[in-house]
Amino acid sequence: MTIHERFIDGVGNIAIQAAVARIEFTVLERLPVKDEAPKLEVAERIVMSVDTMLKLFQGLSEVVGQMEGKGLIKRREDPPAIKGE
C-alpha cells in the first residue's frame, strides 16, 4: 500500500451537510512578493462522517494538550474571533 503525503499550508472551508463533513486544505499558489497577501488555493478536500470528524477533533485536542503539557506550545490568552461574531 502506498501512502501519499502532501504538505498543507492552511485549512479553507469546513462545511457540514447531511451528516457529512467536508474540510478543504489549502496550499500557497505562489510565494507572496513584498507586502502582497499570500494567495491560497484548495489542494485537497477530505470528506467524512460527522462522527469521524468528532473523533478527529478529539484526537487532535489530545495531541494539543500533550504539546501544551510538554511546553512545546502555549495557549493564547485571547482566542481569535470567529468570523460572523
Protein backbone atom coordinates (compact mmCIF):
# COMPACT_ATOMS: atom_id res chain seq x y z
CA MET A 1 0.00 0.00 0.00
CA THR A 2 1.30 3.44 -0.93
CA ILE A 3 0.66 6.31 1.45
CA HIS A 4 0.52 9.73 -0.16
CA GLU A 5 1.75 12.72 1.79
CA ARG A 6 1.17 16.36 0.96
CA PHE A 7 2.25 19.48 2.85
CA ILE A 8 -0.73 21.72 3.64
CA ASP A 9 -0.35 25.45 4.30
CA GLY A 10 -3.82 26.05 5.69
CA VAL A 11 -7.40 25.00 6.20
CA GLY A 12 -10.02 26.54 3.95
CA ASN A 13 -13.72 25.96 4.21
CA ILE A 14 -15.21 23.47 6.67
CA ALA A 15 -18.82 22.52 5.97
CA ILE A 16 -21.37 20.05 7.30
CA GLN A 17 -24.21 18.91 5.07
CA ALA A 18 -26.46 15.90 5.56
CA ALA A 19 -24.27 14.43 8.35
CA VAL A 20 -21.18 14.63 6.12
CA ALA A 21 -18.22 16.89 6.89
CA ARG A 22 -16.09 18.40 4.15
CA ILE A 23 -12.77 20.01 5.02
CA GLU A 24 -10.71 21.87 2.42
CA PHE A 25 -6.93 22.03 2.73
CA THR A 26 -5.07 24.84 1.02
CA VAL A 27 -1.56 25.41 -0.31
CA LEU A 28 0.20 28.58 -1.38
CA GLU A 29 -0.42 29.23 -5.06
CA ARG A 30 2.84 31.17 -5.13
CA LEU A 31 5.06 32.89 -2.61
CA PRO A 32 3.94 36.45 -1.86
CA VAL A 33 6.14 39.32 -3.04
CA LYS A 34 6.87 42.23 -0.65
CA ASP A 35 3.62 43.34 1.06
CA GLU A 36 1.42 41.15 -1.13
CA ALA A 37 -1.04 38.90 0.69
CA PRO A 38 -0.43 35.18 0.20
CA LYS A 39 -2.79 33.56 -2.29
CA LEU A 40 -4.02 30.12 -1.29
CA GLU A 41 -5.78 27.55 -3.43
CA VAL A 42 -7.68 24.42 -2.45
CA ALA A 43 -5.38 21.44 -2.90
CA GLU A 44 -7.40 18.66 -1.28
CA ARG A 45 -10.81 18.12 0.22
CA ILE A 46 -11.48 15.34 2.68
CA VAL A 47 -14.99 14.07 3.21
CA MET A 48 -16.02 12.10 6.29
CA SER A 49 -18.96 11.38 8.53
CA VAL A 50 -19.64 13.84 11.35
CA ASP A 51 -18.85 11.01 13.80
CA THR A 52 -15.41 10.59 12.24
CA MET A 53 -14.86 14.36 12.29
CA LEU A 54 -15.64 14.40 16.02
CA LYS A 55 -13.15 11.56 16.60
CA LEU A 56 -10.56 13.55 14.63
CA PHE A 57 -11.29 16.61 16.78
CA GLN A 58 -10.90 14.55 19.96
CA GLY A 59 -7.59 13.09 18.78
CA LEU A 60 -6.21 16.48 17.75
CA SER A 61 -7.32 18.00 21.06
CA GLU A 62 -5.43 15.29 22.95
CA VAL A 63 -2.26 15.93 20.92
CA VAL A 64 -2.52 19.69 21.51
CA GLY A 65 -2.95 19.03 25.25
CA GLN A 66 0.18 16.86 25.25
CA MET A 67 2.13 19.58 23.41
CA GLU A 68 0.97 22.16 25.97
CA GLY A 69 1.95 19.83 28.81
CA LYS A 70 5.47 19.50 27.38
CA GLY A 71 5.77 23.27 26.93
CA LEU A 72 6.02 22.99 23.14
CA ILE A 73 3.14 25.40 22.62
CA LYS A 74 1.30 27.89 24.79
CA ARG A 75 -2.43 28.55 24.78
CA ARG A 76 -3.35 32.06 23.66
CA GLU A 77 -4.81 34.33 26.31
CA ASP A 78 -7.47 35.66 23.92
CA PRO A 79 -8.58 33.16 21.28
CA PRO A 80 -9.03 34.66 17.80
CA ALA A 81 -12.53 35.87 16.98
CA ILE A 82 -14.69 33.59 14.87
CA LYS A 83 -15.97 35.11 11.64
CA GLY A 84 -19.52 36.29 11.94
CA GLU A 85 -19.36 37.18 15.64
